[in-house]
C-alpha atoms as a PDB file:
ATOM      1  CA  MET A   1      94.379 121.118 129.521  1.00  0.00           C
ATOM      2  CA  ILE A   2      97.307 119.470 129.974  1.00  0.00           C
ATOM      3  CA  PRO A   3     100.355 121.756 130.645  1.00  0.00           C
ATOM      4  CA  GLN A   4     102.641 121.983 127.705  1.00  0.00           C
ATOM      5  CA  LYS A   5     105.794 120.975 129.771  1.00  0.00           C
ATOM      6  CA  ASN A   6     103.702 117.631 131.023  1.00  0.00           C
ATOM      7  CA  LYS A   7     102.894 116.465 127.415  1.00  0.00           C
ATOM      8  CA  ILE A   8     106.364 116.684 126.471  1.00  0.00           C
ATOM      9  CA  LYS A   9     107.885 114.986 129.126  1.00  0.00           C
ATOM     10  CA  LYS A  10     105.092 112.153 127.677  1.00  0.00           C
ATOM     11  CA  LEU A  11     106.248 112.462 124.687  1.00  0.00           C
ATOM     12  CA  ILE A  12     110.117 111.857 125.472  1.00  0.00           C
ATOM     13  CA  LYS A  13     109.167 108.937 127.735  1.00  0.00           C
ATOM     14  CA  PHE A  14     106.914 107.413 124.612  1.00  0.00           C
ATOM     15  CA  THR A  15     109.564 108.183 121.561  1.00  0.00           C
ATOM     16  CA  LYS A  16     112.211 106.752 124.454  1.00  0.00           C
ATOM     17  CA  SER A  17     111.400 103.262 123.251  1.00  0.00           C
ATOM     18  CA  ILE A  18     110.822 103.808 119.427  1.00  0.00           C
ATOM     19  CA  ASP A  19     113.944 102.630 117.817  1.00  0.00           C
ATOM     20  CA  GLY A  20     115.499 105.747 115.700  1.00  0.00           C
ATOM     21  CA  TRP A  21     118.162 108.749 115.149  1.00  0.00           C
ATOM     22  CA  LEU A  22     116.403 111.475 116.671  1.00  0.00           C
ATOM     23  CA  SER A  23     117.499 112.949 119.461  1.00  0.00           C
ATOM     24  CA  ILE A  24     115.238 114.546 122.642  1.00  0.00           C
ATOM     25  CA  GLN A  25     116.473 118.023 121.928  1.00  0.00           C
ATOM     26  CA  GLU A  26     115.406 117.565 117.570  1.00  0.00           C
ATOM     27  CA  GLY A  27     112.006 115.917 118.753  1.00  0.00           C
ATOM     28  CA  VAL A  28     110.981 118.848 121.337  1.00  0.00           C
ATOM     29  CA  PHE A  29     112.577 121.335 118.767  1.00  0.00           C
ATOM     30  CA  LEU A  30     110.384 119.811 116.099  1.00  0.00           C
ATOM     31  CA  TYR A  31     107.466 119.461 118.342  1.00  0.00           C
ATOM     32  CA  THR A  32     107.788 123.310 119.187  1.00  0.00           C
ATOM     33  CA  ILE A  33     107.791 124.391 115.950  1.00  0.00           C
ATOM     34  CA  ALA A  34     105.239 122.605 114.418  1.00  0.00           C
ATOM     35  CA  LYS A  35     103.115 123.686 117.264  1.00  0.00           C
ATOM     36  CA  LYS A  36     103.351 127.315 115.931  1.00  0.00           C
ATOM     37  CA  LEU A  37     101.694 126.410 112.991  1.00  0.00           C
ATOM     38  CA  SER A  38      98.327 127.528 111.800  1.00  0.00           C
ATOM     39  CA  GLN A  39      95.134 125.149 111.533  1.00  0.00           C
ATOM     40  CA  ASN A  40      94.848 123.322 108.256  1.00  0.00           C
ATOM     41  CA  ALA A  41      98.795 122.649 108.523  1.00  0.00           C
ATOM     42  CA  ASN A  42     100.275 120.260 106.208  1.00  0.00           C
ATOM     43  CA  ILE A  43     103.369 118.949 107.383  1.00  0.00           C
ATOM     44  CA  VAL A  44     105.255 116.356 105.034  1.00  0.00           C
ATOM     45  CA  GLU A  45     108.345 113.980 106.478  1.00  0.00           C
ATOM     46  CA  ILE A  46     110.449 112.343 104.253  1.00  0.00           C
ATOM     47  CA  GLY A  47     111.755 109.293 105.873  1.00  0.00           C
ATOM     48  CA  SER A  48     109.663 107.692 108.352  1.00  0.00           C
ATOM     49  CA  TRP A  49     111.054 104.909 109.829  1.00  0.00           C
ATOM     50  CA  LYS A  50     109.387 103.565 112.743  1.00  0.00           C
ATOM     51  CA  GLY A  51     107.711 106.759 113.738  1.00  0.00           C
ATOM     52  CA  LYS A  52     109.886 108.451 115.945  1.00  0.00           C
ATOM     53  CA  SER A  53     109.956 111.800 114.507  1.00  0.00           C
ATOM     54  CA  THR A  54     106.115 111.372 112.933  1.00  0.00           C
ATOM     55  CA  ILE A  55     105.069 111.179 116.352  1.00  0.00           C
ATOM     56  CA  TRP A  56     106.539 114.353 117.771  1.00  0.00           C
ATOM     57  CA  LEU A  57     105.168 116.356 114.837  1.00  0.00           C
ATOM     58  CA  ALA A  58     101.784 114.353 114.837  1.00  0.00           C
ATOM     59  CA  SER A  59     101.190 115.135 118.585  1.00  0.00           C
ATOM     60  CA  ALA A  60     101.708 118.808 117.745  1.00  0.00           C
ATOM     61  CA  ALA A  61      99.107 119.115 115.107  1.00  0.00           C
ATOM     62  CA  ARG A  62      96.851 117.234 117.430  1.00  0.00           C
ATOM     63  CA  GLY A  63      94.474 119.767 118.399  1.00  0.00           C
ATOM     64  CA  LYS A  64      94.448 121.766 115.082  1.00  0.00           C
ATOM     65  CA  LYS A  65      91.831 121.958 113.077  1.00  0.00           C
ATOM     66  CA  ASN A  66      92.081 119.402 109.925  1.00  0.00           C
ATOM     67  CA  ALA A  67      95.976 119.886 110.261  1.00  0.00           C
ATOM     68  CA  LYS A  68      97.871 116.487 108.738  1.00  0.00           C
ATOM     69  CA  VAL A  69     101.189 114.940 108.866  1.00  0.00           C
ATOM     70  CA  TYR A  70     102.083 113.049 105.639  1.00  0.00           C
ATOM     71  CA  ALA A  71     104.970 110.367 106.333  1.00  0.00           C
ATOM     72  CA  ILE A  72     106.318 109.492 103.071  1.00  0.00           C
ATOM     73  CA  ASP A  73     108.636 106.203 103.156  1.00  0.00           C
ATOM     74  CA  PRO A  74     108.679 103.042 101.241  1.00  0.00           C
ATOM     75  CA  HIS A  75     109.602 101.583 104.686  1.00  0.00           C
ATOM     76  CA  MET A  76     112.392  99.154 102.641  1.00  0.00           C
ATOM     77  CA  GLY A  77     115.243 101.443 104.116  1.00  0.00           C
ATOM     78  CA  SER A  78     116.984 103.704 102.469  1.00  0.00           C
ATOM     79  CA  PRO A  79     120.978 102.275 100.704  1.00  0.00           C
ATOM     80  CA  GLU A  80     122.214 103.126 104.056  1.00  0.00           C
ATOM     81  CA  ILE A  81     119.589 101.346 106.223  1.00  0.00           C
ATOM     82  CA  SER A  82     119.773  98.474 103.624  1.00  0.00           C
ATOM     83  CA  ALA A  83     123.483  97.749 104.001  1.00  0.00           C
ATOM     84  CA  GLU A  84     123.493  97.813 107.767  1.00  0.00           C
ATOM     85  CA  TYR A  85     120.229  95.763 107.988  1.00  0.00           C
ATOM     86  CA  GLY A  86     120.149  94.155 105.448  1.00  0.00           C
ATOM     87  CA  LYS A  87     115.903  93.638 103.557  1.00  0.00           C
ATOM     88  CA  VAL A  88     113.546  95.272 105.614  1.00  0.00           C
ATOM     89  CA  ASP A  89     109.808  96.463 105.747  1.00  0.00           C
ATOM     90  CA  THR A  90     109.279  98.477 109.042  1.00  0.00           C
ATOM     91  CA  SER A  91     105.385  99.661 107.591  1.00  0.00           C
ATOM     92  CA  HIS A  92     104.036  97.260 110.098  1.00  0.00           C
ATOM     93  CA  ILE A  93     106.207  98.258 113.376  1.00  0.00           C
ATOM     94  CA  PHE A  94     105.338 101.978 112.001  1.00  0.00           C
ATOM     95  CA  LYS A  95     101.319 101.682 111.926  1.00  0.00           C
ATOM     96  CA  ALA A  96     101.842 100.301 115.486  1.00  0.00           C
ATOM     97  CA  ASN A  97     103.584 103.045 116.969  1.00  0.00           C
ATOM     98  CA  ILE A  98     101.280 105.746 115.268  1.00  0.00           C
ATOM     99  CA  GLN A  99      97.949 103.482 116.596  1.00  0.00           C
ATOM    100  CA  LYS A 100      99.392 103.076 120.257  1.00  0.00           C
ATOM    101  CA  ALA A 101     100.338 107.093 120.113  1.00  0.00           C
ATOM    102  CA  GLY A 102      96.782 107.302 119.209  1.00  0.00           C
ATOM    103  CA  LEU A 103      97.362 109.572 115.953  1.00  0.00           C
ATOM    104  CA  GLU A 104      95.924 107.676 113.103  1.00  0.00           C
ATOM    105  CA  LYS A 105      93.889 110.455 112.282  1.00  0.00           C
ATOM    106  CA  ILE A 106      96.473 112.699 111.920  1.00  0.00           C
ATOM    107  CA  VAL A 107      99.262 110.934 110.077  1.00  0.00           C
ATOM    108  CA  ILE A 108      98.420 109.778 106.461  1.00  0.00           C
ATOM    109  CA  PRO A 109     101.024 107.112 105.678  1.00  0.00           C
ATOM    110  CA  ILE A 110     102.053 107.431 102.058  1.00  0.00           C
ATOM    111  CA  LYS A 111     104.018 104.293 101.172  1.00  0.00           C
ATOM    112  CA  LYS A 112     106.208 105.194  98.215  1.00  0.00           C
ATOM    113  CA  ASN A 113     109.468 106.756  97.389  1.00  0.00           C
ATOM    114  CA  SER A 114     110.355 110.640  97.555  1.00  0.00           C
ATOM    115  CA  GLN A 115     109.491 111.317  93.736  1.00  0.00           C
ATOM    116  CA  GLU A 116     106.550 108.988  93.362  1.00  0.00           C
ATOM    117  CA  ALA A 117     104.666 110.843  96.278  1.00  0.00           C
ATOM    118  CA  SER A 118     105.863 114.412  94.919  1.00  0.00           C
ATOM    119  CA  SER A 119     104.190 113.674  91.730  1.00  0.00           C
ATOM    120  CA  LYS A 120     100.872 113.279  93.198  1.00  0.00           C
ATOM    121  CA  PHE A 121     101.134 115.736  95.967  1.00  0.00           C
ATOM    122  CA  ASN A 122      99.119 118.885  95.316  1.00  0.00           C
ATOM    123  CA  ARG A 123      98.689 120.696  98.498  1.00  0.00           C
ATOM    124  CA  GLY A 124     101.090 123.626 100.116  1.00  0.00           C
ATOM    125  CA  ILE A 125     103.657 122.335 102.878  1.00  0.00           C
ATOM    126  CA  ASP A 126     104.116 123.956 105.953  1.00  0.00           C
ATOM    127  CA  LEU A 127     106.816 122.305 107.523  1.00  0.00           C
ATOM    128  CA  LEU A 128     108.896 119.523 105.625  1.00  0.00           C
ATOM    129  CA  PHE A 129     111.052 117.646 107.714  1.00  0.00           C
ATOM    130  CA  ILE A 130     114.029 115.861 105.211  1.00  0.00           C
ATOM    131  CA  ASP A 131     115.269 112.282 106.296  1.00  0.00           C
ATOM    132  CA  GLY A 132     115.609 109.853 103.646  1.00  0.00           C
ATOM    133  CA  SER A 133     118.177 108.546 102.068  1.00  0.00           C
ATOM    134  CA  HIS A 134     121.233 110.849 103.098  1.00  0.00           C
ATOM    135  CA  THR A 135     123.269 110.551  99.511  1.00  0.00           C
ATOM    136  CA  TYR A 136     123.932 114.478  98.163  1.00  0.00           C
ATOM    137  CA  LYS A 137     121.989 112.950  95.154  1.00  0.00           C
ATOM    138  CA  TYR A 138     119.029 112.020  97.188  1.00  0.00           C
ATOM    139  CA  VAL A 139     118.761 114.574  99.362  1.00  0.00           C
ATOM    140  CA  GLN A 140     119.042 117.088  96.709  1.00  0.00           C
ATOM    141  CA  ILE A 141     116.248 115.643  94.883  1.00  0.00           C
ATOM    142  CA  ASP A 142     114.028 115.640  97.957  1.00  0.00           C
ATOM    143  CA  PHE A 143     114.829 119.420  98.363  1.00  0.00           C
ATOM    144  CA  VAL A 144     113.764 120.507  95.041  1.00  0.00           C
ATOM    145  CA  LEU A 145     111.163 118.510  94.470  1.00  0.00           C
ATOM    146  CA  TRP A 146     109.168 119.549  97.710  1.00  0.00           C
ATOM    147  CA  SER A 147     110.495 122.707  98.848  1.00  0.00           C
ATOM    148  CA  ARG A 148     108.661 124.068  95.616  1.00  0.00           C
ATOM    149  CA  LYS A 149     105.660 123.111  98.104  1.00  0.00           C
ATOM    150  CA  ILE A 150     106.030 125.218 100.613  1.00  0.00           C
ATOM    151  CA  ARG A 151     104.343 127.653 101.545  1.00  0.00           C
ATOM    152  CA  LYS A 152     105.684 131.516 102.005  1.00  0.00           C
ATOM    153  CA  ASN A 153     107.205 131.291 105.682  1.00  0.00           C
ATOM    154  CA  GLY A 154     106.575 127.627 105.760  1.00  0.00           C
ATOM    155  CA  TRP A 155     109.771 125.704 107.415  1.00  0.00           C
ATOM    156  CA  ILE A 156     111.920 122.865 105.921  1.00  0.00           C
ATOM    157  CA  PHE A 157     114.468 120.895 108.231  1.00  0.00           C
ATOM    158  CA  LEU A 158     116.939 118.774 107.175  1.00  0.00           C
ATOM    159  CA  HIS A 159     118.356 115.846 109.470  1.00  0.00           C
ATOM    160  CA  ASP A 160     121.748 114.994 109.902  1.00  0.00           C
ATOM    161  CA  ALA A 161     122.932 117.917 107.963  1.00  0.00           C
ATOM    162  CA  THR A 162     125.371 118.551 110.523  1.00  0.00           C
ATOM    163  CA  VAL A 163     127.272 115.194 110.812  1.00  0.00           C
ATOM    164  CA  LEU A 164     126.682 113.796 107.133  1.00  0.00           C
ATOM    165  CA  PRO A 165     128.126 115.463 103.752  1.00  0.00           C
ATOM    166  CA  GLY A 166     125.003 114.925 101.760  1.00  0.00           C
ATOM    167  CA  PRO A 167     122.394 116.831 103.711  1.00  0.00           C
ATOM    168  CA  TRP A 168     125.139 119.188 104.878  1.00  0.00           C
ATOM    169  CA  GLY A 169     125.962 120.078 101.027  1.00  0.00           C
ATOM    170  CA  VAL A 170     122.087 120.108 100.016  1.00  0.00           C
ATOM    171  CA  ALA A 171     121.486 122.511 103.488  1.00  0.00           C
ATOM    172  CA  ARG A 172     124.555 124.658 102.730  1.00  0.00           C
ATOM    173  CA  LYS A 173     123.270 125.161  98.928  1.00  0.00           C
ATOM    174  CA  TYR A 174     120.135 125.704  99.134  1.00  0.00           C
ATOM    175  CA  ILE A 175     119.217 127.283 102.889  1.00  0.00           C
ATOM    176  CA  LEU A 176     122.527 128.593 104.053  1.00  0.00           C
ATOM    177  CA  PHE A 177     123.493 130.460 101.007  1.00  0.00           C
ATOM    178  CA  SER A 178     120.453 131.578  99.823  1.00  0.00           C
ATOM    179  CA  PRO A 179     118.284 134.761 100.431  1.00  0.00           C
ATOM    180  CA  ASP A 180     114.841 132.777 100.001  1.00  0.00           C
ATOM    181  CA  TYR A 181     115.339 131.705 103.576  1.00  0.00           C
ATOM    182  CA  ILE A 182     115.368 133.365 107.158  1.00  0.00           C
ATOM    183  CA  ASN A 183     115.607 132.341 110.857  1.00  0.00           C
ATOM    184  CA  THR A 184     118.206 129.522 109.468  1.00  0.00           C
ATOM    185  CA  GLY A 185     120.503 127.724 112.085  1.00  0.00           C
ATOM    186  CA  MET A 186     120.911 124.255 113.733  1.00  0.00           C
ATOM    187  CA  ILE A 187     119.913 121.842 116.910  1.00  0.00           C
ATOM    188  CA  GLY A 188     121.403 118.954 117.060  1.00  0.00           C
ATOM    189  CA  SER A 189     122.110 117.615 113.502  1.00  0.00           C
ATOM    190  CA  MET A 190     119.368 119.274 111.779  1.00  0.00           C
ATOM    191  CA  ILE A 191     119.658 122.436 109.668  1.00  0.00           C
ATOM    192  CA  PHE A 192     116.688 124.494 109.073  1.00  0.00           C
ATOM    193  CA  GLY A 193     115.352 127.326 107.468  1.00  0.00           C
ATOM    194  CA  GLN A 194     111.892 129.408 107.274  1.00  0.00           C
ATOM    195  CA  TYR A 195     110.791 130.104 103.461  1.00  0.00           C
ATOM    196  CA  HIS A 196     110.485 133.849 103.179  1.00  0.00           C
ATOM    197  CA  PRO A 197     111.665 134.938  99.976  1.00  0.00           C
ATOM    198  CA  ALA A 198     112.640 138.687 100.005  1.00  0.00           C
ATOM    199  CA  ASP A 199     110.786 141.420  98.463  1.00  0.00           C
ATOM    200  CA  ASN A 200     113.361 143.674  97.597  1.00  0.00           C
ATOM    201  CA  PHE A 201     116.864 143.576  97.093  1.00  0.00           C
ATOM    202  CA  ILE A 202     118.127 145.397 100.398  1.00  0.00           C
ATOM    203  CA  ASP A 203     115.891 142.530 101.901  1.00  0.00           C
ATOM    204  CA  LYS A 204     117.955 140.017  99.891  1.00  0.00           C
ATOM    205  CA  ILE A 205     121.300 140.895 101.009  1.00  0.00           C
ATOM    206  CA  LEU A 206     119.867 141.010 104.756  1.00  0.00           C
ATOM    207  CA  ASN A 207     118.699 138.086 104.051  1.00  0.00           C
ATOM    208  CA  ILE A 208     122.481 136.252 102.474  1.00  0.00           C
ATOM    209  CA  LEU A 209     124.333 138.473 105.407  1.00  0.00           C
ATOM    210  CA  LYS A 210     122.367 136.759 108.122  1.00  0.00           C
ATOM    211  CA  ASN A 211     122.614 133.111 106.744  1.00  0.00           C
ATOM    212  CA  PHE A 212     126.191 133.558 106.461  1.00  0.00           C
ATOM    213  CA  LEU A 213     126.363 134.300 109.945  1.00  0.00           C
ATOM    214  CA  ALA A 214     124.251 131.445 110.658  1.00  0.00           C
ATOM    215  CA  TYR A 215     126.661 129.332 108.360  1.00  0.00           C
ATOM    216  CA  LEU A 216     129.489 130.431 110.277  1.00  0.00           C
ATOM    217  CA  PHE A 217     127.791 129.719 113.606  1.00  0.00           C
ATOM    218  CA  ILE A 218     127.021 126.349 112.336  1.00  0.00           C
ATOM    219  CA  ILE A 219     130.825 125.408 111.369  1.00  0.00           C
ATOM    220  CA  SER A 220     132.253 126.691 114.272  1.00  0.00           C
ATOM    221  CA  TYR A 221     129.536 124.956 117.065  1.00  0.00           C
ATOM    222  CA  VAL A 222     130.807 121.519 114.517  1.00  0.00           C
ATOM    223  CA  SER A 223     133.850 122.209 114.886  1.00  0.00           C
ATOM    224  CA  MET A 224     134.077 122.436 118.594  1.00  0.00           C
ATOM    225  CA  ARG A 225     132.320 119.007 119.230  1.00  0.00           C
ATOM    226  CA  LYS A 226     136.113 117.229 118.202  1.00  0.00           C
ATOM    227  CA  ILE A 227     137.798 119.518 121.205  1.00  0.00           C
ATOM    228  CA  PRO A 228     137.487 118.043 124.608  1.00  0.00           C
ATOM    229  CA  PHE A 229     135.647 120.684 126.446  1.00  0.00           C
ATOM    230  CA  PRO A 230     134.377 119.825 129.765  1.00  0.00           C
ATOM    231  CA  LYS A 231     130.706 118.563 129.847  1.00  0.00           C
ATOM    232  CA  ILE A 232     129.259 121.607 131.481  1.00  0.00           C
ATOM    233  CA  VAL A 233     130.816 123.733 128.800  1.00  0.00           C
ATOM    234  CA  ARG A 234     128.998 121.407 126.069  1.00  0.00           C
ATOM    235  CA  ILE A 235     125.336 121.579 127.694  1.00  0.00           C
ATOM    236  CA  ILE A 236     125.562 125.296 128.592  1.00  0.00           C
ATOM    237  CA  VAL A 237     126.134 126.216 124.886  1.00  0.00           C
ATOM    238  CA  ARG A 238     123.611 123.126 123.675  1.00  0.00           C
ATOM    239  CA  LYS A 239     121.378 125.160 125.779  1.00  0.00           C
ATOM    240  CA  TRP A 240     121.915 128.574 124.859  1.00  0.00           C
ATOM    241  CA  ASN A 241     121.689 127.569 120.999  1.00  0.00           C
ATOM    242  CA  PHE A 242     118.190 125.764 121.861  1.00  0.00           C
ATOM    243  CA  LYS A 243     116.602 128.362 123.746  1.00  0.00           C
ATOM    244  CA  ARG A 244     118.028 130.673 121.190  1.00  0.00           C
ATOM    245  CA  ASN A 245     116.197 129.270 118.406  1.00  0.00           C
ATOM    246  CA  ILE A 246     113.067 128.032 120.071  1.00  0.00           C
ATOM    247  CA  ALA A 247     112.365 132.123 120.517  1.00  0.00           C
ATOM    248  CA  LEU A 248     111.644 132.185 116.725  1.00  0.00           C
END
């Protein structure tokens, strides 16, 4: 057995060469949470691009009995991508990267948009990673369509939620201001939570309070990014936040 740290180091080296916007810290955190999922876990990714996040998630699922990563992407680029890159088709690059990582048996590519894929997907989800179009309208559609399929204690992640208004608005409304999620927080640009509806009124109030505290921390943390603190201070705070969340 390769020690966990060595596996992560190899993944960092491998994924560095793949085009994408997922940071190393975000990838490690996704991997760590996905690694804690049970056997037969279903992981769904909305927006795969060229496979960087897919590889982090699928590498964590490797070794789990019947665990799968459903990578949903029409590979034509979101409106934001199309505006920057023009007409694209990343499906062949995505498949090549998945094959190079040796994850073909775990990753199930679904070359459709989120709405089309959702209508025929009838499995319970243990981890949902949303990173498709970043306009509020489409992030909301992705969240509403797919979050209803999350199993109790399943995880949801919204990428770019601390840097773009669309994902931030959805994360704030549906996760941070909701009594149905626990263990909410942020890593890098991601905001996340664990689906765990309260069983009673007291728990609901406690969930709301805890999530509001998480909300206050997030807006404070994001505001601090604009202040020119010394680099060492930023590193210390970032590491503290990561260690705090990795223990979930």
